[in-house]
Amino acid sequence: MKLEFSADILSALKDLQAAAALPKWGCESPEAQAGQEQAGGFAGPSARRNVFMGELKQMGIKAPDQIATPSVRNDSAFLFTVVGVCSVAAVLLGQLPGDWGFFSSYLTGAIVLVVLAVGSTAPGLLQVFIDKFSQVFPDYRERVVAHEAAHLLIGYLMGVPVTSYNLGIGQEHVEFAEAKIQARIITRDLSDAEIDALAVVAVAGIAAEGLKYEEVMGQTADLFDLQRILLRSSSKLSNVQQQNITRWAVWRAAALLKKYSAEHQAVQEALVRGDSVDEIVKAIEAVPAKQ
């Protein structure tokens, strides 16, 4: 995401919001919530606080203890498949006459060692193959769409100028943070309000999957994004504080996804159709606001 480009989008969104054309954009950001409180309105329980595992369960997260625990389902399935296929192939090729059988089975068996070597030296490269392999699971596409739709919707509600999207469950979303603050995330410290908003956006995909599945597949990149955000906090955060912010952010994101469930569904349908960001914004705003 080009910051120069997103700056123009941000300016346009602010103008449209001021004209009451985009009432939902940024409506759940800490700044908007603070404004409602100052005006004497009820902003809702959005302020950061201590959140316990039981509260995540009450919010609808199916397996709170699995949050921040990387899933090994896809990795294990890929490894078992490679080992199984190579083993069977090696046995069959070993039946070939003469040296053909020996060398064919030997080379086939070596594929497993190559895969393990790649995983040790270039895990990112191996992850590409694992992601491709993961598409064999029936829930893969559904997870990806729900996950990415959550990032888009929560980012929109938090006032992030979204300019594009990528249906990749393992993709990082630091561009959301940089678009929000209009600066490279490594160039300055972040205020508590910025940390709160960006943390919720970062874990939105985790919350979306956690509300529907026992195991969260796409959380590794999200947690990496969150860690980069927390490390830029203007106030030094202890490990305990970082863990609590993670729980609170998942809780807050889940609460927003439940509150804006119709909008989340509309975004998912738009992603499946391959709609542009403009069309996704229209889909969000077209959903009648809850009274």
Protein backbone atom coordinates (compact mmCIF):
# COMPACT_ATOMS: atom_id res chain seq x y z
CA MET A 1 0.00 0.00 0.00
CA LYS A 2 1.51 3.35 -1.04
CA LEU A 3 1.26 5.88 1.78
CA GLU A 4 1.02 8.72 -0.71
CA PHE A 5 -1.97 7.03 -2.32
CA SER A 6 -3.64 6.17 0.96
CA ALA A 7 -3.24 9.78 2.12
CA ASP A 8 -5.50 10.90 -0.73
CA ILE A 9 -7.97 8.17 0.16
CA LEU A 10 -7.85 9.21 3.83
CA SER A 11 -8.59 12.82 2.94
CA ALA A 12 -11.51 11.81 0.71
CA LEU A 13 -12.94 9.51 3.38
CA LYS A 14 -12.77 12.26 6.00
CA ASP A 15 -14.58 14.66 3.66
CA LEU A 16 -17.30 12.09 2.95
CA GLN A 17 -17.61 11.33 6.65
CA ALA A 18 -17.99 15.03 7.45
CA ALA A 19 -20.75 15.19 4.84
CA ALA A 20 -22.49 12.25 6.59
CA ALA A 21 -22.02 10.08 3.49
CA LEU A 22 -19.97 7.46 5.34
CA PRO A 23 -21.39 7.28 8.88
CA LYS A 24 -19.70 3.96 9.70
CA TRP A 25 -16.17 4.85 8.67
CA GLY A 26 -14.11 5.35 11.83
CA CYS A 27 -17.21 5.17 14.02
CA GLU A 28 -15.60 2.64 16.39
CA SER A 29 -12.16 4.25 16.61
CA PRO A 30 -10.92 5.38 20.03
CA GLU A 31 -11.17 8.99 18.84
CA ALA A 32 -14.82 8.57 17.84
CA GLN A 33 -15.63 6.79 21.08
CA ALA A 34 -13.96 9.55 23.10
CA GLY A 35 -15.96 12.14 21.17
CA GLN A 36 -19.21 10.37 21.98
CA GLU A 37 -18.33 10.25 25.66
CA GLN A 38 -17.48 13.97 25.72
CA ALA A 39 -20.80 14.71 24.02
CA GLY A 40 -22.60 12.85 26.79
CA GLY A 41 -23.44 9.79 24.70
CA PHE A 42 -22.83 6.14 25.55
CA ALA A 43 -19.84 4.94 23.61
CA GLY A 44 -19.91 1.36 24.84
CA PRO A 45 -17.24 -0.77 26.55
CA SER A 46 -14.41 0.03 24.13
CA ALA A 47 -11.68 1.22 26.51
CA ARG A 48 -8.74 -1.11 27.02
CA ARG A 49 -8.98 -3.18 30.20
CA ASN A 50 -7.93 -6.51 31.62
CA VAL A 51 -9.65 -9.37 29.80
CA PHE A 52 -9.59 -12.96 31.00
CA MET A 53 -9.94 -16.20 29.07
CA GLY A 54 -13.42 -16.75 30.43
CA GLU A 55 -14.58 -13.47 28.91
CA LEU A 56 -13.31 -14.53 25.50
CA LYS A 57 -15.35 -17.72 25.88
CA GLN A 58 -18.42 -15.70 26.85
CA MET A 59 -17.89 -13.48 23.82
CA GLY A 60 -18.12 -16.55 21.59
CA ILE A 61 -14.48 -17.48 20.95
CA LYS A 62 -14.69 -21.26 20.76
CA ALA A 63 -11.19 -22.07 22.03
CA PRO A 64 -9.61 -19.05 23.78
CA ASP A 65 -6.66 -21.16 24.91
CA GLN A 66 -5.72 -21.66 21.25
CA ILE A 67 -5.25 -17.93 20.68
CA ALA A 68 -1.54 -17.20 20.09
CA THR A 69 -0.90 -20.93 19.70
CA PRO A 70 0.12 -21.59 16.08
CA SER A 71 -1.95 -24.27 14.38
CA VAL A 72 0.00 -27.23 13.02
CA ARG A 73 -2.90 -28.83 11.15
CA ASN A 74 -1.85 -27.73 7.70
CA ASP A 75 1.86 -28.26 8.36
CA SER A 76 1.29 -31.76 9.73
CA ALA A 77 -1.05 -32.74 6.92
CA PHE A 78 1.46 -31.51 4.34
CA LEU A 79 4.37 -33.36 5.96
CA PHE A 80 2.42 -36.60 6.40
CA THR A 81 1.29 -36.41 2.78
CA VAL A 82 4.83 -35.85 1.50
CA VAL A 83 6.21 -38.70 3.63
CA GLY A 84 3.35 -41.04 2.70
CA VAL A 85 3.44 -40.37 -1.02
CA CYS A 86 7.24 -40.57 -1.18
CA SER A 87 7.29 -43.80 0.83
CA VAL A 88 4.74 -45.49 -1.41
CA ALA A 89 6.47 -44.18 -4.54
CA ALA A 90 9.87 -45.38 -3.30
CA VAL A 91 8.52 -48.89 -2.69
CA LEU A 92 6.89 -49.05 -6.11
CA LEU A 93 9.91 -47.61 -7.93
CA GLY A 94 12.13 -50.07 -6.09
CA GLN A 95 10.52 -52.82 -8.12
CA LEU A 96 12.09 -51.51 -11.32
CA PRO A 97 14.83 -53.75 -12.74
CA GLY A 98 18.53 -53.18 -12.11
CA ASP A 99 19.97 -49.88 -11.01
CA TRP A 100 16.79 -48.05 -12.05
CA GLY A 101 14.98 -49.41 -9.02
CA PHE A 102 17.76 -48.48 -6.60
CA PHE A 103 18.37 -44.94 -7.82
CA SER A 104 14.65 -44.14 -8.35
CA SER A 105 13.65 -45.20 -4.85
CA TYR A 106 16.71 -43.47 -3.35
CA LEU A 107 15.97 -40.16 -5.08
CA THR A 108 12.28 -40.33 -4.20
CA GLY A 109 13.08 -40.91 -0.55
CA ALA A 110 15.48 -37.95 -0.62
CA ILE A 111 12.54 -35.64 -1.39
CA VAL A 112 11.50 -35.84 2.27
CA LEU A 113 14.97 -34.71 3.36
CA VAL A 114 14.86 -31.83 0.88
CA VAL A 115 11.48 -30.69 2.25
CA LEU A 116 12.81 -30.77 5.82
CA ALA A 117 15.93 -28.87 4.75
CA VAL A 118 13.86 -26.17 3.06
CA GLY A 119 11.67 -25.90 6.16
CA SER A 120 14.76 -25.35 8.30
CA THR A 121 16.60 -22.88 6.07
CA ALA A 122 13.77 -21.11 4.22
CA PRO A 123 10.49 -21.60 6.13
CA GLY A 124 8.82 -18.84 4.14
CA LEU A 125 9.36 -20.75 0.90
CA LEU A 126 7.97 -23.94 2.40
CA GLN A 127 4.96 -22.00 3.71
CA VAL A 128 4.05 -21.11 0.12
CA PHE A 129 3.71 -24.80 -0.72
CA ILE A 130 1.84 -25.50 2.51
CA ASP A 131 -0.63 -22.69 1.74
CA LYS A 132 -1.22 -24.15 -1.72
CA PHE A 133 -1.67 -27.61 -0.23
CA SER A 134 -4.08 -26.25 2.41
CA GLN A 135 -6.60 -25.48 -0.31
CA VAL A 136 -7.56 -29.15 -0.30
CA PHE A 137 -9.34 -28.59 3.02
CA PRO A 138 -13.05 -27.83 2.51
CA ASP A 139 -12.98 -24.94 5.00
CA TYR A 140 -9.92 -23.22 3.54
CA ARG A 141 -11.67 -20.75 1.23
CA GLU A 142 -14.33 -20.00 3.83
CA ARG A 143 -11.67 -19.28 6.46
CA VAL A 144 -9.69 -17.02 4.13
CA VAL A 145 -12.74 -14.96 3.16
CA ALA A 146 -14.00 -14.59 6.75
CA HIS A 147 -10.49 -13.74 7.94
CA GLU A 148 -9.77 -11.09 5.32
CA ALA A 149 -13.28 -9.64 5.52
CA ALA A 150 -12.77 -9.10 9.24
CA HIS A 151 -9.56 -7.13 8.65
CA LEU A 152 -11.30 -4.99 6.04
CA LEU A 153 -14.41 -4.33 8.11
CA ILE A 154 -12.67 -3.64 11.42
CA GLY A 155 -10.10 -1.50 9.63
CA TYR A 156 -12.94 0.50 8.08
CA LEU A 157 -14.70 0.91 11.43
CA MET A 158 -11.41 2.04 12.99
CA GLY A 159 -10.85 4.70 10.35
CA VAL A 160 -8.20 3.00 8.23
CA PRO A 161 -8.06 4.14 4.58
CA VAL A 162 -8.21 0.71 2.94
CA THR A 163 -7.07 0.84 -0.68
CA SER A 164 -6.72 -2.85 -1.61
CA TYR A 165 -6.99 -6.37 -0.29
CA ASN A 166 -5.42 -9.78 -0.82
CA LEU A 167 -7.18 -13.07 -0.16
CA GLY A 168 -4.16 -14.68 1.45
CA ILE A 169 -4.61 -16.11 4.92
CA GLY A 170 -0.90 -15.93 5.61
CA GLN A 171 -0.43 -12.36 4.39
CA GLU A 172 0.69 -9.66 6.80
CA HIS A 173 -1.41 -6.56 7.31
CA VAL A 174 1.12 -4.01 8.52
CA GLU A 175 -0.07 -1.77 5.68
CA PHE A 176 -3.24 -1.21 7.72
CA ALA A 177 -1.14 0.24 10.53
CA GLU A 178 0.93 2.41 8.23
CA ALA A 179 -2.16 3.67 6.42
CA LYS A 180 -3.77 4.55 9.75
CA ILE A 181 -0.83 6.57 11.08
CA GLN A 182 0.29 7.78 7.61
CA ALA A 183 3.89 6.86 8.34
CA ARG A 184 6.18 3.86 8.26
CA ILE A 185 5.60 1.98 11.46
CA ILE A 186 9.32 1.88 12.23
CA THR A 187 9.70 5.67 12.10
CA ARG A 188 7.84 6.77 15.23
CA ASP A 189 6.27 5.70 18.50
CA LEU A 190 2.55 5.03 18.80
CA SER A 191 0.14 6.52 21.33
CA ASP A 192 -2.15 4.37 23.45
CA ALA A 193 -5.13 5.28 21.25
CA GLU A 194 -3.22 4.27 18.12
CA ILE A 195 -2.07 1.04 19.76
CA ASP A 196 -5.65 0.19 20.73
CA ALA A 197 -7.08 0.79 17.26
CA LEU A 198 -4.28 -0.96 15.39
CA ALA A 199 -4.23 -3.93 17.77
CA VAL A 200 -7.93 -4.56 17.15
CA VAL A 201 -7.41 -4.38 13.38
CA ALA A 202 -4.40 -6.70 13.58
CA VAL A 203 -6.26 -9.50 15.39
CA ALA A 204 -9.60 -9.09 13.59
CA GLY A 205 -8.93 -12.16 11.44
CA ILE A 206 -8.10 -14.20 14.54
CA ALA A 207 -11.39 -13.16 16.13
CA ALA A 208 -13.36 -14.00 12.98
CA GLU A 209 -11.92 -17.52 12.82
CA GLY A 210 -12.14 -17.98 16.58
CA LEU A 211 -15.86 -17.20 16.57
CA LYS A 212 -16.49 -20.01 14.10
CA TYR A 213 -13.72 -22.60 14.49
CA GLU A 214 -11.91 -24.34 17.33
CA GLU A 215 -8.56 -23.86 15.60
CA VAL A 216 -7.33 -20.55 14.15
CA MET A 217 -5.22 -21.13 11.04
CA GLY A 218 -4.29 -17.62 9.97
CA GLN A 219 -3.03 -16.12 13.21
CA THR A 220 0.74 -16.31 12.71
CA ALA A 221 0.98 -13.28 10.41
CA ASP A 222 -1.60 -11.38 12.46
CA LEU A 223 0.33 -11.91 15.70
CA PHE A 224 3.54 -10.87 13.95
CA ASP A 225 1.83 -7.63 12.89
CA LEU A 226 0.54 -7.12 16.43
CA GLN A 227 4.01 -7.62 17.89
CA ARG A 228 5.48 -5.01 15.55
CA ILE A 229 2.75 -2.59 16.61
CA LEU A 230 3.21 -3.20 20.34
CA LEU A 231 6.97 -2.74 20.07
CA ARG A 232 6.35 0.83 18.83
CA SER A 233 4.31 1.79 21.90
CA SER A 234 5.36 5.12 23.40
CA SER A 235 5.13 3.51 26.83
CA LYS A 236 7.20 0.40 27.52
CA LEU A 237 4.93 -2.65 27.63
CA SER A 238 5.80 -5.66 29.74
CA ASN A 239 5.15 -9.19 28.52
CA VAL A 240 2.11 -9.39 30.78
CA GLN A 241 0.73 -6.12 29.37
CA GLN A 242 1.30 -7.31 25.81
CA GLN A 243 -0.54 -10.54 26.53
CA ASN A 244 -3.46 -8.64 28.03
CA ILE A 245 -3.62 -6.25 25.07
CA THR A 246 -3.75 -9.30 22.80
CA ARG A 247 -6.68 -10.77 24.76
CA TRP A 248 -8.45 -7.42 24.92
CA ALA A 249 -7.96 -6.78 21.20
CA VAL A 250 -9.39 -10.20 20.29
CA TRP A 251 -12.30 -9.58 22.68
CA ARG A 252 -12.96 -6.14 21.20
CA ALA A 253 -12.68 -7.39 17.60
CA ALA A 254 -15.07 -10.26 18.35
CA ALA A 255 -17.53 -7.83 19.94
CA LEU A 256 -17.43 -5.60 16.85
CA LEU A 257 -17.82 -8.56 14.48
CA LYS A 258 -20.90 -9.66 16.38
CA LYS A 259 -22.28 -6.11 16.49
CA TYR A 260 -21.64 -5.67 12.76
CA SER A 261 -22.35 -9.26 11.74
CA ALA A 262 -24.50 -8.19 8.79
CA GLU A 263 -21.74 -5.91 7.53
CA HIS A 264 -19.19 -8.71 7.94
CA GLN A 265 -21.38 -11.02 5.88
CA ALA A 266 -21.79 -8.32 3.23
CA VAL A 267 -18.02 -7.89 2.98
CA GLN A 268 -17.51 -11.65 2.67
CA GLU A 269 -20.00 -11.82 -0.19
CA ALA A 270 -18.26 -8.87 -1.87
CA LEU A 271 -14.87 -10.58 -1.58
CA VAL A 272 -16.23 -13.77 -3.10
CA ARG A 273 -17.53 -11.73 -6.05
CA GLY A 274 -14.17 -9.99 -6.37
CA ASP A 275 -15.66 -6.54 -5.83
CA SER A 276 -13.48 -3.44 -5.70
CA VAL A 277 -12.82 -1.60 -2.44
CA ASP A 278 -15.32 1.08 -3.49
CA GLU A 279 -18.01 -1.56 -3.89
CA ILE A 280 -17.09 -3.09 -0.53
CA VAL A 281 -17.49 0.30 1.16
CA LYS A 282 -20.91 0.67 -0.46
CA ALA A 283 -21.85 -2.80 0.78
CA ILE A 284 -20.86 -1.89 4.35
CA GLU A 285 -22.76 1.39 4.33
CA ALA A 286 -25.80 -0.20 2.65
CA VAL A 287 -26.48 -2.42 5.67
CA PRO A 288 -29.09 -0.70 7.87
CA ALA A 289 -27.60 0.54 11.13
CA LYS A 290 -28.77 -1.26 14.27
CA GLN A 291 -30.86 0.82 16.60
